[in-house]
Amino acid sequence: MGWMQSDQGLAERGKFAIPSKTIGTVTPDKSAVMFKVFVTDKDGMMDFVSGKNPSMKPTYMMSA
């Protein structure tokens, strides 16, 4: 989560979404966190969350 909030993470997300419009919330049972992301490039977002984006690969591999 730290990388996503870093300057580098915000810049990378800014390529396909609008980070300032991202809305985060916790589920009613507090077991998960959800985010509504305003996406401007759907294919870029799909690459980012699947780990295909070169800048995201190290972070994605650490969590897998």
PDB file of N, CA and C in Angstrom:
ATOM      1  N   MET A   1       0.815  -1.184   0.000  1.00  0.00           N
ATOM      2  CA  MET A   1       0.000   0.000   0.000  1.00  0.00           C
ATOM      3  C   MET A   1       0.865   1.257   0.000  1.00  0.00           C
ATOM      4  N   GLY A   2       2.030   1.197   0.603  1.00  0.00           N
ATOM      5  CA  GLY A   2       2.897   2.355   0.674  1.00  0.00           C
ATOM      6  C   GLY A   2       3.332   2.853  -0.700  1.00  0.00           C
ATOM      7  N   TRP A   3       3.681   1.909  -1.598  1.00  0.00           N
ATOM      8  CA  TRP A   3       4.117   2.301  -2.936  1.00  0.00           C
ATOM      9  C   TRP A   3       2.987   2.991  -3.687  1.00  0.00           C
ATOM     10  N   MET A   4       1.763   2.514  -3.526  1.00  0.00           N
ATOM     11  CA  MET A   4       0.616   3.095  -4.225  1.00  0.00           C
ATOM     12  C   MET A   4       0.399   4.553  -3.830  1.00  0.00           C
ATOM     13  N   GLN A   5       0.776   4.920  -2.610  1.00  0.00           N
ATOM     14  CA  GLN A   5       0.606   6.289  -2.133  1.00  0.00           C
ATOM     15  C   GLN A   5       1.861   7.140  -2.329  1.00  0.00           C
ATOM     16  N   SER A   6       2.948   6.519  -2.787  1.00  0.00           N
ATOM     17  CA  SER A   6       4.189   7.263  -3.000  1.00  0.00           C
ATOM     18  C   SER A   6       4.059   8.138  -4.251  1.00  0.00           C
ATOM     19  N   ASP A   7       4.985   9.065  -4.413  1.00  0.00           N
ATOM     20  CA  ASP A   7       4.979   9.924  -5.602  1.00  0.00           C
ATOM     21  C   ASP A   7       5.078   9.091  -6.876  1.00  0.00           C
ATOM     22  N   GLN A   8       5.933   8.053  -6.851  1.00  0.00           N
ATOM     23  CA  GLN A   8       6.096   7.190  -8.023  1.00  0.00           C
ATOM     24  C   GLN A   8       4.803   6.426  -8.317  1.00  0.00           C
ATOM     25  N   GLY A   9       4.180   5.901  -7.290  1.00  0.00           N
ATOM     26  CA  GLY A   9       2.933   5.159  -7.469  1.00  0.00           C
ATOM     27  C   GLY A   9       1.807   6.037  -7.979  1.00  0.00           C
ATOM     28  N   LEU A  10       1.692   7.254  -7.434  1.00  0.00           N
ATOM     29  CA  LEU A  10       0.669   8.188  -7.897  1.00  0.00           C
ATOM     30  C   LEU A  10       0.910   8.598  -9.344  1.00  0.00           C
ATOM     31  N   ALA A  11       2.175   8.794  -9.712  1.00  0.00           N
ATOM     32  CA  ALA A  11       2.497   9.161 -11.094  1.00  0.00           C
ATOM     33  C   ALA A  11       2.139   8.022 -12.049  1.00  0.00           C
ATOM     34  N   GLU A  12       2.429   6.798 -11.635  1.00  0.00           N
ATOM     35  CA  GLU A  12       2.122   5.642 -12.480  1.00  0.00           C
ATOM     36  C   GLU A  12       0.613   5.466 -12.634  1.00  0.00           C
ATOM     37  N   ARG A  13      -0.121   5.579 -11.536  1.00  0.00           N
ATOM     38  CA  ARG A  13      -1.584   5.467 -11.608  1.00  0.00           C
ATOM     39  C   ARG A  13      -2.185   6.619 -12.406  1.00  0.00           C
ATOM     40  N   GLY A  14      -1.555   7.769 -12.378  1.00  0.00           N
ATOM     41  CA  GLY A  14      -2.040   8.927 -13.118  1.00  0.00           C
ATOM     42  C   GLY A  14      -2.009   8.742 -14.621  1.00  0.00           C
ATOM     43  N   LYS A  15      -1.290   7.744 -15.098  1.00  0.00           N
ATOM     44  CA  LYS A  15      -1.229   7.461 -16.533  1.00  0.00           C
ATOM     45  C   LYS A  15      -2.537   6.855 -17.045  1.00  0.00           C
ATOM     46  N   PHE A  16      -3.316   6.221 -16.183  1.00  0.00           N
ATOM     47  CA  PHE A  16      -4.533   5.559 -16.634  1.00  0.00           C
ATOM     48  C   PHE A  16      -5.739   5.807 -15.738  1.00  0.00           C
ATOM     49  N   ALA A  17      -5.554   6.594 -14.689  1.00  0.00           N
ATOM     50  CA  ALA A  17      -6.659   6.889 -13.769  1.00  0.00           C
ATOM     51  C   ALA A  17      -6.474   8.292 -13.194  1.00  0.00           C
ATOM     52  N   ILE A  18      -7.446   8.713 -12.408  1.00  0.00           N
ATOM     53  CA  ILE A  18      -7.374  10.019 -11.742  1.00  0.00           C
ATOM     54  C   ILE A  18      -7.249   9.747 -10.236  1.00  0.00           C
ATOM     55  N   PRO A  19      -5.999   9.678  -9.725  1.00  0.00           N
ATOM     56  CA  PRO A  19      -5.795   9.317  -8.314  1.00  0.00           C
ATOM     57  C   PRO A  19      -6.541  10.201  -7.317  1.00  0.00           C
ATOM     58  N   SER A  20      -6.680  11.479  -7.610  1.00  0.00           N
ATOM     59  CA  SER A  20      -7.347  12.368  -6.660  1.00  0.00           C
ATOM     60  C   SER A  20      -8.838  12.079  -6.513  1.00  0.00           C
ATOM     61  N   LYS A  21      -9.419  11.349  -7.467  1.00  0.00           N
ATOM     62  CA  LYS A  21     -10.838  10.999  -7.396  1.00  0.00           C
ATOM     63  C   LYS A  21     -11.074   9.600  -6.823  1.00  0.00           C
ATOM     64  N   THR A  22     -10.008   8.896  -6.454  1.00  0.00           N
ATOM     65  CA  THR A  22     -10.150   7.557  -5.884  1.00  0.00           C
ATOM     66  C   THR A  22     -10.834   7.638  -4.526  1.00  0.00           C
ATOM     67  N   ILE A  23     -11.821   6.775  -4.329  1.00  0.00           N
ATOM     68  CA  ILE A  23     -12.577   6.745  -3.082  1.00  0.00           C
ATOM     69  C   ILE A  23     -12.349   5.389  -2.420  1.00  0.00           C
ATOM     70  N   GLY A  24     -11.900   5.397  -1.194  1.00  0.00           N
ATOM     71  CA  GLY A  24     -11.680   4.158  -0.452  1.00  0.00           C
ATOM     72  C   GLY A  24     -12.702   4.000   0.655  1.00  0.00           C
ATOM     73  N   THR A  25     -13.083   2.761   0.941  1.00  0.00           N
ATOM     74  CA  THR A  25     -14.025   2.481   2.019  1.00  0.00           C
ATOM     75  C   THR A  25     -13.770   1.079   2.566  1.00  0.00           C
ATOM     76  N   VAL A  26     -14.296   0.814   3.736  1.00  0.00           N
ATOM     77  CA  VAL A  26     -14.158  -0.485   4.392  1.00  0.00           C
ATOM     78  C   VAL A  26     -15.512  -1.191   4.312  1.00  0.00           C
ATOM     79  N   THR A  27     -15.492  -2.513   4.100  1.00  0.00           N
ATOM     80  CA  THR A  27     -16.740  -3.273   4.060  1.00  0.00           C
ATOM     81  C   THR A  27     -17.427  -3.205   5.430  1.00  0.00           C
ATOM     82  N   PRO A  28     -18.743  -3.413   5.470  1.00  0.00           N
ATOM     83  CA  PRO A  28     -19.466  -3.327   6.747  1.00  0.00           C
ATOM     84  C   PRO A  28     -18.912  -4.241   7.849  1.00  0.00           C
ATOM     85  N   ASP A  29     -18.415  -5.421   7.476  1.00  0.00           N
ATOM     86  CA  ASP A  29     -17.864  -6.317   8.499  1.00  0.00           C
ATOM     87  C   ASP A  29     -16.382  -6.060   8.773  1.00  0.00           C
ATOM     88  N   LYS A  30     -15.836  -5.035   8.127  1.00  0.00           N
ATOM     89  CA  LYS A  30     -14.445  -4.602   8.309  1.00  0.00           C
ATOM     90  C   LYS A  30     -13.413  -5.669   7.941  1.00  0.00           C
ATOM     91  N   SER A  31     -13.772  -6.566   7.014  1.00  0.00           N
ATOM     92  CA  SER A  31     -12.856  -7.621   6.607  1.00  0.00           C
ATOM     93  C   SER A  31     -12.086  -7.287   5.332  1.00  0.00           C
ATOM     94  N   ALA A  32     -12.453  -6.200   4.659  1.00  0.00           N
ATOM     95  CA  ALA A  32     -11.794  -5.849   3.403  1.00  0.00           C
ATOM     96  C   ALA A  32     -11.900  -4.348   3.152  1.00  0.00           C
ATOM     97  N   VAL A  33     -11.052  -3.882   2.265  1.00  0.00           N
ATOM     98  CA  VAL A  33     -11.073  -2.491   1.836  1.00  0.00           C
ATOM     99  C   VAL A  33     -11.424  -2.474   0.355  1.00  0.00           C
ATOM    100  N   MET A  34     -12.259  -1.538  -0.055  1.00  0.00           N
ATOM    101  CA  MET A  34     -12.645  -1.408  -1.463  1.00  0.00           C
ATOM    102  C   MET A  34     -12.289  -0.007  -1.938  1.00  0.00           C
ATOM    103  N   PHE A  35     -11.978   0.092  -3.227  1.00  0.00           N
ATOM    104  CA  PHE A  35     -11.656   1.379  -3.821  1.00  0.00           C
ATOM    105  C   PHE A  35     -12.457   1.572  -5.089  1.00  0.00           C
ATOM    106  N   LYS A  36     -13.004   2.763  -5.271  1.00  0.00           N
ATOM    107  CA  LYS A  36     -13.624   3.147  -6.527  1.00  0.00           C
ATOM    108  C   LYS A  36     -12.603   4.015  -7.237  1.00  0.00           C
ATOM    109  N   VAL A  37     -12.163   3.561  -8.398  1.00  0.00           N
ATOM    110  CA  VAL A  37     -11.110   4.235  -9.142  1.00  0.00           C
ATOM    111  C   VAL A  37     -11.700   4.798 -10.431  1.00  0.00           C
ATOM    112  N   PHE A  38     -11.462   6.073 -10.709  1.00  0.00           N
ATOM    113  CA  PHE A  38     -11.918   6.699 -11.940  1.00  0.00           C
ATOM    114  C   PHE A  38     -10.861   6.445 -13.021  1.00  0.00           C
ATOM    115  N   VAL A  39     -11.140   5.495 -13.897  1.00  0.00           N
ATOM    116  CA  VAL A  39     -10.188   5.025 -14.901  1.00  0.00           C
ATOM    117  C   VAL A  39     -10.362   5.786 -16.212  1.00  0.00           C
ATOM    118  N   THR A  40      -9.239   6.189 -16.818  1.00  0.00           N
ATOM    119  CA  THR A  40      -9.261   6.858 -18.116  1.00  0.00           C
ATOM    120  C   THR A  40      -8.720   5.958 -19.224  1.00  0.00           C
ATOM    121  N   ASP A  41      -8.014   4.884 -18.863  1.00  0.00           N
ATOM    122  CA  ASP A  41      -7.448   3.933 -19.826  1.00  0.00           C
ATOM    123  C   ASP A  41      -7.649   2.529 -19.260  1.00  0.00           C
ATOM    124  N   LYS A  42      -8.713   1.861 -19.686  1.00  0.00           N
ATOM    125  CA  LYS A  42      -9.061   0.554 -19.130  1.00  0.00           C
ATOM    126  C   LYS A  42      -7.957  -0.481 -19.355  1.00  0.00           C
ATOM    127  N   ASP A  43      -7.371  -0.529 -20.547  1.00  0.00           N
ATOM    128  CA  ASP A  43      -6.312  -1.504 -20.822  1.00  0.00           C
ATOM    129  C   ASP A  43      -5.091  -1.258 -19.936  1.00  0.00           C
ATOM    130  N   GLY A  44      -4.740   0.015 -19.737  1.00  0.00           N
ATOM    131  CA  GLY A  44      -3.624   0.343 -18.853  1.00  0.00           C
ATOM    132  C   GLY A  44      -3.888  -0.095 -17.427  1.00  0.00           C
ATOM    133  N   MET A  45      -5.114   0.086 -16.972  1.00  0.00           N
ATOM    134  CA  MET A  45      -5.487  -0.324 -15.619  1.00  0.00           C
ATOM    135  C   MET A  45      -5.412  -1.850 -15.482  1.00  0.00           C
ATOM    136  N   MET A  46      -5.898  -2.565 -16.476  1.00  0.00           N
ATOM    137  CA  MET A  46      -5.861  -4.028 -16.430  1.00  0.00           C
ATOM    138  C   MET A  46      -4.417  -4.537 -16.388  1.00  0.00           C
ATOM    139  N   ASP A  47      -3.525  -3.919 -17.147  1.00  0.00           N
ATOM    140  CA  ASP A  47      -2.109  -4.287 -17.098  1.00  0.00           C
ATOM    141  C   ASP A  47      -1.517  -3.993 -15.728  1.00  0.00           C
ATOM    142  N   PHE A  48      -1.897  -2.870 -15.156  1.00  0.00           N
ATOM    143  CA  PHE A  48      -1.376  -2.458 -13.854  1.00  0.00           C
ATOM    144  C   PHE A  48      -1.771  -3.448 -12.763  1.00  0.00           C
ATOM    145  N   VAL A  49      -3.039  -3.799 -12.682  1.00  0.00           N
ATOM    146  CA  VAL A  49      -3.503  -4.673 -11.601  1.00  0.00           C
ATOM    147  C   VAL A  49      -3.145  -6.137 -11.820  1.00  0.00           C
ATOM    148  N   SER A  50      -2.821  -6.524 -13.057  1.00  0.00           N
ATOM    149  CA  SER A  50      -2.446  -7.917 -13.314  1.00  0.00           C
ATOM    150  C   SER A  50      -0.944  -8.138 -13.198  1.00  0.00           C
ATOM    151  N   GLY A  51      -0.177  -7.068 -13.046  1.00  0.00           N
ATOM    152  CA  GLY A  51       1.271  -7.196 -12.898  1.00  0.00           C
ATOM    153  C   GLY A  51       2.021  -7.137 -14.212  1.00  0.00           C
ATOM    154  N   LYS A  52       1.343  -6.834 -15.309  1.00  0.00           N
ATOM    155  CA  LYS A  52       2.000  -6.745 -16.620  1.00  0.00           C
ATOM    156  C   LYS A  52       2.716  -5.420 -16.816  1.00  0.00           C
ATOM    157  N   ASN A  53       2.355  -4.410 -16.044  1.00  0.00           N
ATOM    158  CA  ASN A  53       2.982  -3.103 -16.125  1.00  0.00           C
ATOM    159  C   ASN A  53       4.399  -3.215 -15.549  1.00  0.00           C
ATOM    160  N   PRO A  54       5.448  -2.797 -16.305  1.00  0.00           N
ATOM    161  CA  PRO A  54       6.832  -2.953 -15.836  1.00  0.00           C
ATOM    162  C   PRO A  54       7.116  -2.331 -14.471  1.00  0.00           C
ATOM    163  N   SER A  55       6.530  -1.197 -14.166  1.00  0.00           N
ATOM    164  CA  SER A  55       6.806  -0.561 -12.871  1.00  0.00           C
ATOM    165  C   SER A  55       6.081  -1.259 -11.730  1.00  0.00           C
ATOM    166  N   MET A  56       5.068  -2.025 -12.028  1.00  0.00           N
ATOM    167  CA  MET A  56       4.287  -2.707 -10.993  1.00  0.00           C
ATOM    168  C   MET A  56       4.814  -4.117 -10.723  1.00  0.00           C
ATOM    169  N   LYS A  57       5.578  -4.700 -11.629  1.00  0.00           N
ATOM    170  CA  LYS A  57       6.032  -6.085 -11.470  1.00  0.00           C
ATOM    171  C   LYS A  57       6.713  -6.364 -10.137  1.00  0.00           C
ATOM    172  N   PRO A  58       7.672  -5.550  -9.676  1.00  0.00           N
ATOM    173  CA  PRO A  58       8.309  -5.863  -8.379  1.00  0.00           C
ATOM    174  C   PRO A  58       7.320  -5.879  -7.224  1.00  0.00           C
ATOM    175  N   THR A  59       6.374  -4.949  -7.200  1.00  0.00           N
ATOM    176  CA  THR A  59       5.379  -4.896  -6.138  1.00  0.00           C
ATOM    177  C   THR A  59       4.428  -6.077  -6.238  1.00  0.00           C
ATOM    178  N   TYR A  60       4.010  -6.402  -7.448  1.00  0.00           N
ATOM    179  CA  TYR A  60       3.086  -7.500  -7.684  1.00  0.00           C
ATOM    180  C   TYR A  60       3.730  -8.834  -7.270  1.00  0.00           C
ATOM    181  N   MET A  61       4.994  -9.011  -7.583  1.00  0.00           N
ATOM    182  CA  MET A  61       5.674 -10.266  -7.273  1.00  0.00           C
ATOM    183  C   MET A  61       5.862 -10.442  -5.758  1.00  0.00           C
ATOM    184  N   MET A  62       6.007  -9.340  -5.019  1.00  0.00           N
ATOM    185  CA  MET A  62       6.179  -9.439  -3.573  1.00  0.00           C
ATOM    186  C   MET A  62       4.902  -9.911  -2.902  1.00  0.00           C
ATOM    187  N   SER A  63       3.748  -9.551  -3.462  1.00  0.00           N
ATOM    188  CA  SER A  63       2.481  -9.902  -2.840  1.00  0.00           C
ATOM    189  C   SER A  63       1.952 -11.248  -3.293  1.00  0.00           C
ATOM    190  N   ALA A  64       2.503 -11.803  -4.349  1.00  0.00           N
ATOM    191  CA  ALA A  64       2.006 -13.082  -4.886  1.00  0.00           C
ATOM    192  C   ALA A  64       2.468 -14.262  -4.061  1.00  0.00           C
TER     193      ALA A  64
END
